[in-house]
N, C-alpha and C. Protein backbone atom coordinates (compact mmCIF):
# COMPACT_ATOMS: atom_id res chain seq x y z
N MET A 1 0.89 -1.09 -0.10
CA MET A 1 0.01 0.08 -0.09
C MET A 1 0.83 1.21 0.00
N SER A 2 0.57 2.19 -0.81
CA SER A 2 1.32 3.30 -1.02
C SER A 2 1.20 4.42 0.26
N LEU A 3 2.19 5.16 0.37
CA LEU A 3 2.20 6.28 1.72
C LEU A 3 0.78 6.88 1.34
N GLU A 4 0.52 7.53 0.12
CA GLU A 4 -0.86 8.25 0.17
C GLU A 4 -2.08 7.33 0.37
N ALA A 5 -2.11 6.03 0.23
CA ALA A 5 -3.26 5.41 0.36
C ALA A 5 -3.38 5.32 2.10
N LYS A 6 -2.12 5.08 2.72
CA LYS A 6 -2.12 4.79 4.12
C LYS A 6 -2.64 6.04 4.88
N ARG A 7 -2.28 7.31 4.18
CA ARG A 7 -2.75 8.82 4.78
C ARG A 7 -4.09 8.83 4.39
N THR A 8 -4.75 8.31 3.45
CA THR A 8 -6.20 8.36 3.06
C THR A 8 -7.06 7.64 4.24
N LYS A 9 -6.32 6.37 4.44
CA LYS A 9 -7.09 5.53 5.37
C LYS A 9 -7.03 6.17 6.85
N ILE A 10 -5.84 6.86 7.16
CA ILE A 10 -5.85 7.30 8.65
C ILE A 10 -6.70 8.62 8.60
N LYS A 11 -6.77 9.38 7.40
CA LYS A 11 -7.83 10.45 7.49
C LYS A 11 -9.25 10.04 7.59
N GLU A 12 -9.62 8.83 6.96
CA GLU A 12 -10.96 8.39 7.39
C GLU A 12 -11.11 7.92 8.70
N LEU A 13 -10.20 7.47 9.49
CA LEU A 13 -10.31 7.16 10.84
C LEU A 13 -10.41 8.52 11.58
N LEU A 14 -9.88 9.60 11.13
CA LEU A 14 -9.93 10.89 11.93
C LEU A 14 -11.31 11.34 11.48
N ASN A 15 -11.86 11.50 10.38
CA ASN A 15 -13.18 11.76 9.94
C ASN A 15 -14.36 11.01 10.74
N ARG A 16 -14.15 9.67 10.85
CA ARG A 16 -15.16 8.94 11.68
C ARG A 16 -14.79 8.92 13.20
N LYS A 17 -14.15 9.89 13.67
CA LYS A 17 -13.83 9.98 15.17
C LYS A 17 -13.41 8.82 15.79
N ILE A 18 -12.54 8.09 15.10
CA ILE A 18 -11.98 6.79 15.76
C ILE A 18 -10.81 7.21 16.25
N ILE A 19 -9.92 8.23 15.72
CA ILE A 19 -8.74 8.58 16.33
C ILE A 19 -8.86 10.07 16.63
N THR A 20 -8.21 10.77 17.36
CA THR A 20 -8.02 12.20 17.48
C THR A 20 -7.13 12.95 16.81
N PRO A 21 -7.32 14.24 16.46
CA PRO A 21 -6.58 14.92 15.53
C PRO A 21 -4.87 14.87 15.87
N LEU A 22 -4.72 14.51 17.12
CA LEU A 22 -3.39 14.39 17.63
C LEU A 22 -2.86 13.25 17.28
N GLU A 23 -3.62 12.15 17.42
CA GLU A 23 -3.21 10.87 16.88
C GLU A 23 -3.00 10.90 15.61
N HIS A 24 -3.97 11.26 14.79
CA HIS A 24 -3.85 11.63 13.37
C HIS A 24 -2.37 12.12 12.96
N ASP A 25 -2.09 13.25 13.56
CA ASP A 25 -0.83 13.95 13.31
C ASP A 25 0.51 12.96 13.42
N LYS A 26 0.44 12.43 14.62
CA LYS A 26 1.47 11.54 15.15
C LYS A 26 1.61 10.19 14.12
N ILE A 27 0.50 9.79 13.77
CA ILE A 27 0.48 8.47 12.95
C ILE A 27 1.12 9.01 11.39
N VAL A 28 0.60 10.07 11.08
CA VAL A 28 1.09 10.43 9.60
C VAL A 28 2.66 10.79 9.67
N ALA A 29 2.86 11.61 10.70
CA ALA A 29 4.48 11.92 11.10
C ALA A 29 5.37 10.82 10.93
N LEU A 30 4.85 9.57 11.86
CA LEU A 30 5.55 8.23 11.86
C LEU A 30 5.57 7.54 10.46
N LEU A 31 4.69 7.60 9.70
CA LEU A 31 4.57 6.93 8.19
C LEU A 31 5.48 7.65 7.53
N THR A 32 5.52 9.07 7.54
CA THR A 32 6.40 9.83 6.67
C THR A 32 7.75 9.63 6.87
N GLU A 33 8.09 9.46 8.29
CA GLU A 33 9.59 8.95 8.55
C GLU A 33 9.94 7.87 8.20
N MET A 34 8.91 6.88 8.31
CA MET A 34 9.44 5.46 8.00
C MET A 34 9.67 5.30 6.37
N ALA A 35 8.71 6.13 5.60
CA ALA A 35 9.00 6.20 4.12
C ALA A 35 10.22 6.79 3.78
N ASP A 36 10.71 7.76 4.46
CA ASP A 36 12.04 8.53 4.40
C ASP A 36 13.17 7.38 4.52
N GLU A 37 13.28 6.86 5.71
CA GLU A 37 13.92 5.68 5.95
C GLU A 37 14.14 4.58 4.88
N GLY A 38 13.01 4.30 4.47
CA GLY A 38 13.02 3.25 3.33
C GLY A 38 13.62 3.84 2.16
N GLU A 39 13.62 5.08 1.62
CA GLU A 39 14.23 5.46 0.61
C GLU A 39 15.83 5.43 1.00
N ILE A 40 15.97 5.84 2.13
CA ILE A 40 17.63 6.03 2.42
C ILE A 40 18.16 4.56 2.46
N ILE A 41 17.43 3.58 3.20
CA ILE A 41 17.93 2.13 3.00
C ILE A 41 18.22 1.70 1.49
N ALA A 42 17.10 1.94 0.63
CA ALA A 42 17.25 1.69 -0.75
C ALA A 42 18.45 2.21 -1.34
N GLU A 43 18.72 3.55 -0.92
CA GLU A 43 20.11 4.23 -1.55
C GLU A 43 21.25 3.55 -1.14
N TYR A 44 21.23 3.12 -0.02
CA TYR A 44 22.51 2.49 0.56
C TYR A 44 22.61 1.11 0.03
N LYS A 45 21.48 0.38 -0.07
CA LYS A 45 21.71 -0.82 -0.93
C LYS A 45 22.27 -0.90 -2.43
N SER A 46 21.66 0.16 -3.11
CA SER A 46 22.20 0.53 -4.39
C SER A 46 23.90 0.87 -4.40
N ILE A 47 24.17 1.59 -3.26
CA ILE A 47 25.59 1.87 -3.35
C ILE A 47 26.39 0.64 -2.81
N TYR A 48 25.88 -0.21 -2.03
CA TYR A 48 26.48 -1.35 -1.55
C TYR A 48 26.69 -2.30 -2.89
N ASN A 49 25.69 -2.50 -3.72
CA ASN A 49 25.78 -3.26 -4.87
C ASN A 49 26.83 -2.62 -5.86
N THR A 50 27.03 -1.38 -5.94
CA THR A 50 28.11 -0.74 -6.62
C THR A 50 29.43 -1.10 -6.17
N CYS A 51 29.46 -0.92 -4.94
CA CYS A 51 30.75 -1.25 -3.96
C CYS A 51 31.15 -2.72 -4.52
N LYS A 52 30.06 -3.72 -4.30
CA LYS A 52 30.38 -5.18 -4.61
C LYS A 52 30.94 -5.37 -6.15
N LYS A 53 30.27 -4.70 -7.08
CA LYS A 53 30.70 -4.85 -8.25
C LYS A 53 32.20 -4.21 -8.68
N ASN A 54 32.52 -2.90 -8.07
CA ASN A 54 33.86 -2.46 -8.15
C ASN A 54 34.88 -3.36 -7.28
N THR A 55 34.50 -3.78 -6.24
CA THR A 55 35.29 -4.80 -5.51
C THR A 55 35.51 -6.18 -6.32
N THR A 56 34.62 -6.49 -7.12
CA THR A 56 34.79 -7.88 -7.65
C THR A 56 35.76 -7.74 -9.03
N LYS A 57 35.87 -6.49 -9.56
CA LYS A 57 36.79 -6.30 -10.53
C LYS A 57 38.27 -6.32 -10.19
N GLN A 58 38.25 -6.22 -8.78
CA GLN A 58 39.62 -6.00 -8.19
C GLN A 58 40.23 -7.37 -7.58
N LEU A 59 39.39 -8.35 -7.68
CA LEU A 59 39.87 -9.65 -7.08
C LEU A 59 40.39 -10.72 -8.32
N ILE A 60 41.29 -11.42 -7.66
CA ILE A 60 42.13 -12.48 -8.43
C ILE A 60 41.18 -13.33 -9.14
N GLU A 61 40.18 -13.78 -8.37
CA GLU A 61 39.30 -14.74 -9.23
C GLU A 61 37.90 -14.10 -8.89
N PRO A 62 37.35 -13.21 -9.89
CA PRO A 62 36.01 -12.49 -9.54
C PRO A 62 35.07 -13.36 -9.42
N LYS A 63 35.02 -14.54 -10.32
CA LYS A 63 33.80 -15.47 -10.49
C LYS A 63 33.57 -16.20 -9.11
N SER A 64 34.46 -16.18 -8.23
CA SER A 64 34.27 -16.89 -7.07
C SER A 64 33.83 -16.01 -5.92
N ALA A 65 33.73 -14.86 -6.02
CA ALA A 65 33.36 -13.97 -4.92
C ALA A 65 31.76 -14.33 -4.38
N VAL A 66 31.81 -14.29 -3.03
CA VAL A 66 30.81 -14.47 -2.36
C VAL A 66 30.65 -13.35 -1.23
N TYR A 67 29.35 -12.65 -1.27
CA TYR A 67 29.28 -11.36 -0.51
C TYR A 67 28.37 -11.74 0.39
N PRO A 68 28.21 -11.25 1.68
CA PRO A 68 27.03 -11.03 2.65
C PRO A 68 25.98 -10.19 1.99
N ASP A 69 24.65 -10.45 2.55
CA ASP A 69 23.47 -9.70 2.26
C ASP A 69 23.72 -8.27 2.83
N PHE A 70 23.14 -7.21 2.38
CA PHE A 70 23.26 -5.83 3.05
C PHE A 70 22.48 -5.92 4.21
N SER A 71 23.20 -5.18 5.20
CA SER A 71 22.84 -4.83 6.50
C SER A 71 23.02 -3.29 6.86
N GLU A 72 22.18 -2.78 7.57
CA GLU A 72 22.22 -1.30 7.96
C GLU A 72 23.55 -1.15 8.64
N ASN A 73 23.84 -2.07 9.39
CA ASN A 73 25.12 -2.15 10.39
C ASN A 73 26.18 -1.92 9.64
N MET A 74 26.15 -2.11 8.03
CA MET A 74 27.47 -1.98 7.30
C MET A 74 27.93 -0.55 7.28
N VAL A 75 26.80 0.29 7.42
CA VAL A 75 27.09 1.68 7.26
C VAL A 75 27.70 2.61 8.37
N GLU A 76 28.76 3.30 8.21
CA GLU A 76 29.22 4.10 9.18
C GLU A 76 29.42 5.52 8.51
N PRO A 77 28.54 6.27 9.12
CA PRO A 77 28.60 7.74 8.78
C PRO A 77 30.05 8.50 9.26
N LEU A 78 30.53 9.29 8.35
CA LEU A 78 31.85 10.22 8.45
C LEU A 78 31.51 11.62 8.83
N ASP A 79 30.71 11.99 8.23
CA ASP A 79 30.02 13.23 8.29
C ASP A 79 28.92 13.53 7.40
N ASP A 80 28.06 14.61 7.39
CA ASP A 80 26.80 14.77 6.55
C ASP A 80 26.76 14.46 5.22
N ASN A 81 28.10 14.47 4.70
CA ASN A 81 28.00 14.00 3.15
C ASN A 81 28.80 12.65 2.76
N SER A 82 29.72 12.19 3.71
CA SER A 82 30.30 11.00 3.43
C SER A 82 30.02 9.74 4.44
N TYR A 83 30.34 8.47 3.89
CA TYR A 83 30.26 7.42 5.00
C TYR A 83 31.10 6.20 4.40
N LEU A 84 31.12 5.22 5.17
CA LEU A 84 32.05 4.10 4.80
C LEU A 84 30.86 2.84 4.72
N ILE A 85 30.97 1.86 4.02
CA ILE A 85 30.41 0.68 3.83
C ILE A 85 31.47 -0.40 4.22
N SER A 86 31.09 -1.23 5.31
CA SER A 86 32.15 -2.09 5.54
C SER A 86 31.54 -3.58 5.51
N PHE A 87 32.27 -4.44 4.79
CA PHE A 87 31.62 -5.62 4.82
C PHE A 87 32.93 -6.81 4.47
N TYR A 88 32.71 -7.73 3.81
CA TYR A 88 33.60 -8.84 3.48
C TYR A 88 33.43 -9.44 2.32
N VAL A 89 34.28 -10.09 1.70
CA VAL A 89 34.15 -10.85 0.45
C VAL A 89 35.05 -12.26 0.75
N ASP A 90 34.23 -13.21 0.23
CA ASP A 90 34.96 -14.49 0.35
C ASP A 90 35.25 -14.64 -1.13
N SER A 91 36.55 -15.10 -1.40
CA SER A 91 36.87 -15.52 -2.86
C SER A 91 38.36 -16.34 -2.89
N GLU A 92 38.46 -16.82 -3.99
CA GLU A 92 39.54 -17.72 -4.07
C GLU A 92 40.99 -17.02 -4.43
N ASN A 93 41.89 -17.37 -3.87
CA ASN A 93 43.20 -16.75 -4.45
C ASN A 93 43.88 -17.74 -5.70
N LYS A 94 45.10 -17.18 -6.01
CA LYS A 94 45.52 -18.11 -7.06
C LYS A 94 45.72 -19.48 -7.15
N LYS A 95 45.80 -19.86 -6.05
CA LYS A 95 46.03 -21.51 -5.38
C LYS A 95 44.75 -22.00 -5.28
N GLY A 96 43.43 -21.33 -5.50
CA GLY A 96 42.17 -22.05 -5.41
C GLY A 96 41.80 -21.95 -3.86
N ASP A 97 42.47 -21.32 -2.85
CA ASP A 97 42.07 -21.33 -1.56
C ASP A 97 41.02 -20.20 -1.30
N MET A 98 39.96 -20.44 -0.73
CA MET A 98 39.04 -19.52 -0.38
C MET A 98 39.45 -18.78 0.96
N LEU A 99 39.50 -17.45 0.66
CA LEU A 99 40.15 -16.42 1.73
C LEU A 99 38.89 -15.44 1.87
N ARG A 100 38.85 -14.89 3.12
CA ARG A 100 37.88 -13.80 3.55
C ARG A 100 38.80 -12.54 3.70
N THR A 101 38.20 -11.56 2.96
CA THR A 101 39.02 -10.09 2.90
C THR A 101 37.96 -9.15 3.28
N ASN A 102 38.40 -8.38 4.33
CA ASN A 102 37.70 -7.14 4.90
C ASN A 102 37.74 -6.12 4.02
N ILE A 103 36.59 -5.43 3.50
CA ILE A 103 36.43 -4.50 2.63
C ILE A 103 35.79 -3.04 3.27
N LYS A 104 36.05 -2.02 2.84
CA LYS A 104 35.75 -0.64 3.05
C LYS A 104 35.65 -0.03 1.74
N CYS A 105 34.27 0.50 1.63
CA CYS A 105 33.93 1.36 0.23
C CYS A 105 33.61 2.73 0.82
N LYS A 106 34.23 3.92 0.26
CA LYS A 106 33.83 5.23 0.80
C LYS A 106 33.10 5.94 -0.11
N ILE A 107 32.19 6.43 0.54
CA ILE A 107 31.11 7.27 -0.25
C ILE A 107 31.14 8.95 -0.01
N VAL A 108 31.18 9.53 -0.96
CA VAL A 108 31.22 10.91 -0.78
C VAL A 108 30.17 11.67 -1.62
N ASN A 109 29.23 12.42 -1.10
CA ASN A 109 28.22 12.98 -1.67
C ASN A 109 27.42 12.11 -2.71
N GLY A 110 27.15 10.95 -2.10
CA GLY A 110 26.40 9.80 -2.82
C GLY A 110 27.20 9.07 -4.00
N GLN A 111 28.48 9.30 -4.06
CA GLN A 111 29.17 8.90 -5.04
C GLN A 111 30.29 7.84 -4.52
N TYR A 112 30.50 6.67 -5.34
CA TYR A 112 31.64 5.68 -4.94
C TYR A 112 32.97 6.47 -5.31
N GLU A 113 33.67 6.32 -4.18
CA GLU A 113 35.09 7.04 -4.16
C GLU A 113 36.25 5.97 -4.12
N GLY A 114 36.06 4.80 -3.78
CA GLY A 114 37.07 3.88 -3.77
C GLY A 114 36.80 2.63 -2.97
N THR A 115 37.60 1.60 -3.09
CA THR A 115 37.66 0.61 -2.22
C THR A 115 38.99 0.39 -1.46
N SER A 116 39.00 0.10 -0.31
CA SER A 116 40.00 -0.41 0.57
C SER A 116 40.02 -1.74 1.09
N PHE A 117 41.16 -2.47 0.90
CA PHE A 117 41.16 -4.12 1.32
C PHE A 117 42.11 -3.89 2.50
N GLN A 118 41.65 -4.83 3.47
CA GLN A 118 42.48 -5.06 4.57
C GLN A 118 43.48 -6.04 4.10
N ILE A 119 44.87 -5.72 4.67
CA ILE A 119 45.92 -6.83 4.29
C ILE A 119 46.42 -7.25 5.41
N LYS A 120 46.66 -8.50 5.68
CA LYS A 120 47.44 -9.09 6.53
C LYS A 120 48.90 -9.50 6.23
N LYS A 121 49.88 -9.03 7.12
CA LYS A 121 51.15 -9.28 6.77
C LYS A 121 51.52 -10.06 7.86
N VAL A 122 52.57 -11.12 7.38
CA VAL A 122 53.07 -12.03 8.33
C VAL A 122 54.38 -11.74 8.18
N ARG A 123 55.10 -11.28 9.35
CA ARG A 123 56.70 -11.22 9.51
C ARG A 123 57.21 -12.14 10.53
N THR A 124 58.18 -12.85 10.04
CA THR A 124 58.90 -13.99 10.69
C THR A 124 60.20 -13.29 11.23
N ARG A 125 60.49 -13.61 12.61
CA ARG A 125 61.94 -13.26 13.02
C ARG A 125 62.07 -14.06 13.99
N PHE A 126 63.53 -14.54 14.15
CA PHE A 126 63.84 -15.34 15.29
C PHE A 126 62.82 -16.59 15.71
N GLY A 127 62.45 -17.33 14.55
CA GLY A 127 61.53 -18.48 14.86
C GLY A 127 60.03 -18.11 15.21
N GLY A 128 59.77 -16.56 15.40
CA GLY A 128 58.14 -16.29 15.60
C GLY A 128 57.62 -15.67 14.57
N ALA A 129 56.49 -15.57 14.59
CA ALA A 129 55.66 -14.87 13.44
C ALA A 129 54.80 -13.81 14.12
N LYS A 130 54.84 -12.71 13.50
CA LYS A 130 54.01 -11.48 13.92
C LYS A 130 53.10 -11.00 12.68
N ILE A 131 51.78 -11.01 12.96
CA ILE A 131 50.84 -10.80 11.92
C ILE A 131 50.24 -9.40 12.35
N THR A 132 50.30 -8.55 11.28
CA THR A 132 49.64 -7.16 11.37
C THR A 132 48.71 -6.89 10.35
N GLU A 133 47.67 -6.25 10.73
CA GLU A 133 46.59 -5.83 9.60
C GLU A 133 46.80 -4.32 9.28
N GLU A 134 46.81 -4.08 8.03
CA GLU A 134 46.73 -2.70 7.39
C GLU A 134 45.73 -2.66 6.52
N TRP A 135 45.42 -1.28 6.29
CA TRP A 135 44.37 -1.05 5.08
C TRP A 135 45.17 -0.44 4.05
N SER A 136 44.79 -0.80 2.59
CA SER A 136 45.13 -0.23 1.46
C SER A 136 44.70 1.03 1.25
N LYS A 137 45.28 1.87 0.33
CA LYS A 137 44.70 3.13 0.06
C LYS A 137 43.28 2.83 -0.68
N PHE A 138 42.39 3.88 -0.75
CA PHE A 138 41.02 3.61 -1.56
C PHE A 138 41.53 3.83 -2.88
N THR A 139 41.12 2.81 -3.63
CA THR A 139 41.38 2.76 -5.09
C THR A 139 40.01 2.40 -5.81
N LYS A 140 40.07 2.87 -6.92
CA LYS A 140 39.02 2.59 -8.01
C LYS A 140 39.42 1.65 -9.01
N PRO A 141 38.52 0.73 -9.25
CA PRO A 141 39.07 -0.18 -10.54
C PRO A 141 39.34 0.38 -11.81
N LYS A 142 40.15 -0.26 -12.60
CA LYS A 142 40.55 0.41 -13.81
C LYS A 142 39.62 0.00 -14.86
């Protein structure tokens, strides 16, 4: 049911004196807010799909890529105009091993700005190994 149809039904409840004018206003405000949220989430999903597409282009074995479903928890606001979408991709390396890589996509003014991959480095020294995690610079696929 569309937002306008819902507003019409609520107006009917008001006209039949089933709800008060104050209740009417609160319900309409809530419906409007929920509709706005739905549009924002749809925009996030669209950008997430763009991030997945651009990330896949940068993988060694793009056909093996498996991504999680979109979740609002993936979105991290940076300021009023930019945010990060954080997720992972499971994909094969050159040897055929399935690896999980953490990803961040940067969005500025609603536009995809690039992808950063988390890189795990293993350094061995005197028989011990030290693993460090670093993030690559944000890059766009060619």
